[in-house]
Protein backbone atom coordinates (compact mmCIF):
# COMPACT_ATOMS: atom_id res chain seq x y z
CA MET A 1 -9.16 26.53 6.86
CA GLU A 2 -6.10 25.15 8.59
CA MET A 3 -5.46 21.42 8.38
CA LEU A 4 -3.63 20.38 11.54
CA CYS A 5 -2.34 16.91 12.39
CA THR A 6 -2.34 15.26 15.79
CA LEU A 7 -0.76 11.88 16.52
CA ARG A 8 -1.95 10.03 19.60
CA SER A 9 -1.08 6.73 21.21
CA LEU A 10 -3.76 4.33 22.33
CA THR A 11 -3.86 0.79 23.63
CA GLU A 12 -4.91 -2.11 21.45
CA ASN A 13 -8.12 -2.35 23.50
CA GLN A 14 -8.88 1.30 22.81
CA ARG A 15 -8.12 0.82 19.11
CA ARG A 16 -10.61 -2.04 18.92
CA ALA A 17 -13.19 -0.06 20.92
CA LEU A 18 -12.90 2.92 18.55
CA LEU A 19 -13.34 0.68 15.53
CA ALA A 20 -16.43 -0.82 17.16
CA ALA A 21 -17.81 2.58 18.27
CA PRO A 22 -16.51 5.18 15.81
CA GLY A 23 -19.08 7.67 17.06
CA GLN A 24 -16.92 8.01 20.19
CA LEU A 25 -13.97 9.46 18.24
CA GLU A 26 -14.67 13.08 19.16
CA ALA A 27 -15.10 12.23 22.85
CA PHE A 28 -11.88 10.18 22.70
CA LEU A 29 -9.95 13.07 21.14
CA ASP A 30 -11.39 15.47 23.72
CA ASP A 31 -10.21 13.16 26.57
CA GLU A 32 -13.80 12.50 27.60
CA GLU A 33 -13.73 8.79 26.69
CA ASP A 34 -10.91 6.36 27.44
CA PHE A 35 -12.98 3.17 27.17
CA GLU A 36 -12.20 2.42 30.84
CA ASP A 37 -8.58 1.66 30.01
CA ALA A 38 -6.27 2.98 32.74
CA GLU A 39 -3.13 2.43 30.67
CA GLY A 40 -4.65 4.26 27.71
CA ALA A 41 -5.50 7.21 29.95
CA ARG A 42 -1.73 7.86 30.07
CA PHE A 43 -1.54 8.45 26.33
CA LEU A 44 1.21 10.17 24.38
CA GLU A 45 0.34 12.93 21.94
CA LEU A 46 2.32 14.82 19.32
CA ASP A 47 0.84 17.81 17.54
CA ILE A 48 2.69 18.34 14.27
CA GLY A 49 0.35 21.12 13.17
CA GLU A 50 0.59 22.14 9.54
CA THR A 51 3.88 20.31 8.97
CA TRP A 52 2.17 16.96 8.23
CA HIS A 53 2.24 17.28 4.44
CA GLY A 54 5.80 18.62 4.35
CA LEU A 55 6.87 15.69 6.52
CA GLN A 56 5.00 13.27 4.23
CA TYR A 57 6.92 14.73 1.30
CA LEU A 58 10.29 14.48 3.02
CA LEU A 59 9.63 10.96 4.35
CA THR A 60 8.44 9.54 1.01
CA HIS A 61 9.59 12.11 -1.59
CA THR A 62 6.00 12.17 -2.87
CA ALA A 63 2.94 14.31 -2.19
CA TRP A 64 0.37 11.57 -1.62
CA GLU A 65 2.01 8.23 -2.37
CA GLY A 66 5.03 6.44 -0.94
CA GLN A 67 5.65 3.09 0.65
CA ALA A 68 4.41 1.88 4.00
CA PRO A 69 5.20 2.50 6.73
CA LEU A 70 6.63 5.95 5.96
CA ASP A 71 3.48 7.12 4.14
CA PHE A 72 1.46 6.88 7.38
CA LEU A 73 0.64 10.59 7.62
CA VAL A 74 -1.61 10.47 4.54
CA ARG A 75 -2.31 6.78 3.88
CA GLY A 76 -2.71 3.40 5.49
CA GLY A 77 -4.21 2.22 8.71
CA GLU A 78 -7.95 1.79 9.21
CA ASP A 79 -10.39 4.67 8.88
CA VAL A 80 -12.31 5.51 12.04
CA GLY A 81 -15.95 6.24 11.30
CA ASP A 82 -17.45 8.51 8.69
CA ILE A 83 -15.88 11.94 8.95
CA PRO A 84 -16.95 14.42 6.25
CA SER A 85 -13.91 14.94 4.00
CA ASP A 86 -13.94 18.69 4.69
CA GLU A 87 -13.55 17.98 8.41
CA GLY A 88 -10.50 15.75 8.15
CA THR A 89 -9.48 12.14 8.50
CA ALA A 90 -8.78 9.77 11.36
CA ARG A 91 -6.91 6.51 10.91
CA LEU A 92 -5.74 3.82 13.30
CA PHE A 93 -2.55 1.76 13.13
CA THR A 94 -1.94 -1.46 15.08
CA PRO A 95 0.90 -1.89 17.59
CA ALA A 96 2.72 -4.07 15.02
CA GLN A 97 2.45 -1.28 12.44
CA VAL A 98 3.77 1.19 15.02
CA GLN A 99 6.77 -1.10 15.64
CA GLU A 100 7.46 -1.17 11.89
CA LEU A 101 7.05 2.60 11.62
CA SER A 102 9.43 3.21 14.51
CA ARG A 103 12.11 1.01 12.94
CA ALA A 104 11.71 2.77 9.57
CA LEU A 105 11.94 6.24 11.13
CA GLN A 106 15.03 5.30 13.16
CA ALA A 107 16.71 3.99 10.00
CA LEU A 108 16.04 7.16 8.00
CA PRO A 109 18.85 9.70 8.40
CA ALA A 110 17.98 13.39 8.71
CA SER A 111 20.45 14.04 5.88
CA THR A 112 18.07 12.23 3.49
CA LEU A 113 15.24 14.53 4.50
CA ARG A 114 17.52 17.55 4.16
CA GLN A 115 18.36 16.47 0.58
CA ARG A 116 14.67 16.01 -0.27
CA TYR A 117 13.76 19.51 0.83
CA GLU A 118 13.04 21.25 -2.49
CA PRO A 119 10.92 24.39 -1.97
CA ALA A 120 10.14 24.99 -5.66
CA ARG A 121 9.06 21.39 -6.25
CA MET A 122 7.07 21.32 -3.01
CA GLN A 123 5.28 24.48 -4.14
CA ARG A 124 4.56 22.98 -7.60
CA GLU A 125 3.21 19.79 -6.02
CA ASP A 126 0.96 21.87 -3.77
CA ILE A 127 2.42 20.54 -0.52
CA TYR A 128 0.36 22.01 2.32
CA PRO A 129 0.50 24.71 3.68
CA GLY A 130 1.95 26.06 0.42
CA PHE A 131 4.41 28.73 1.53
CA TRP A 132 7.60 26.85 0.67
CA GLU A 133 9.09 29.42 -1.71
CA GLU A 134 7.95 32.43 0.35
CA PRO A 135 7.78 31.40 4.02
CA PRO A 136 6.87 33.83 6.77
CA PRO A 137 9.92 35.92 7.76
CA ASP A 138 10.18 34.34 11.21
CA LEU A 139 10.12 30.74 9.96
CA ASP A 140 12.75 28.41 8.51
CA PRO A 141 10.53 25.64 7.07
CA GLN A 142 13.36 23.17 6.54
CA GLU A 143 14.56 23.44 10.13
CA GLU A 144 10.99 23.24 11.43
CA LEU A 145 10.38 20.04 9.42
CA LEU A 146 13.65 18.49 10.59
CA SER A 147 12.85 19.37 14.20
CA TYR A 148 9.43 17.72 13.92
CA PHE A 149 11.07 14.70 12.28
CA GLU A 150 13.26 14.24 15.37
CA GLU A 151 10.19 14.59 17.62
CA LEU A 152 8.33 12.09 15.45
CA LYS A 153 11.15 9.55 15.84
CA LYS A 154 11.07 9.91 19.64
CA PHE A 155 7.28 9.70 19.71
CA ALA A 156 7.18 6.54 17.57
CA ALA A 157 9.93 4.91 19.63
CA SER A 158 8.03 5.64 22.87
CA MET A 159 4.81 4.18 21.45
CA ALA A 160 6.67 1.11 20.20
CA ARG A 161 8.26 0.55 23.65
CA ARG A 162 4.81 0.72 25.24
CA GLY A 163 3.29 -1.62 22.66
CA HIS A 164 0.69 1.01 21.75
CA ALA A 165 -1.34 1.64 18.63
CA LEU A 166 -1.47 5.00 16.81
CA LEU A 167 -4.25 7.39 15.87
CA VAL A 168 -3.49 9.90 13.10
CA PHE A 169 -6.03 12.72 12.98
CA ILE A 170 -5.92 15.51 10.39
CA GLY A 171 -8.62 18.10 10.69
C-alpha cells in the first residue's frame, strides 16, 4: 500500500470547523465541503507523494523525531478525527504555526539537506518508500527530494502570506 502525502491550505474558520466536525474530513479533501468559506475555496495544495518520509529525514535528520516546526510532516498539529491507523493520518496546523514553519524552511539551506542525504542510513532507518540504495533506474531520489523541498518552501511561504492554516494528510 502506498502512503502518499498531501498538504493543503485552509482558512482559520475552516480549521475550526474541521476540528468541530471531523466527520467532514473526507468531503473536505474531496472538495465537496468548504464550510461556506469563499476564501477557503481558493485553497493551495501540494502533493508530495511518497517523498514525505525522505523529506522528514532531510529536514530533521531523524526518521520520526526532530524539532518543531520542521518535524511537521510526521508530528505536531492537532489530529482531525479518528482515522484508522492503516488509512493514514490528518493533522491541522494554525496560521501562526504555518508562519513559523515558513520562516524555518526559508532559513534552511538546500546544502544542508544535500549533506543529510545518506542512502545507506536512510535504508537502515526504514525511511519510506525504502528504495534509497537501489532506486528505480529513471529516478534520482536526492534530486527529487531537493526539488520537493523547493516546492515546499514556496508552498509554505504562499500559505503564510495568505494567513492560512495547514492540513497534512498521509494516507
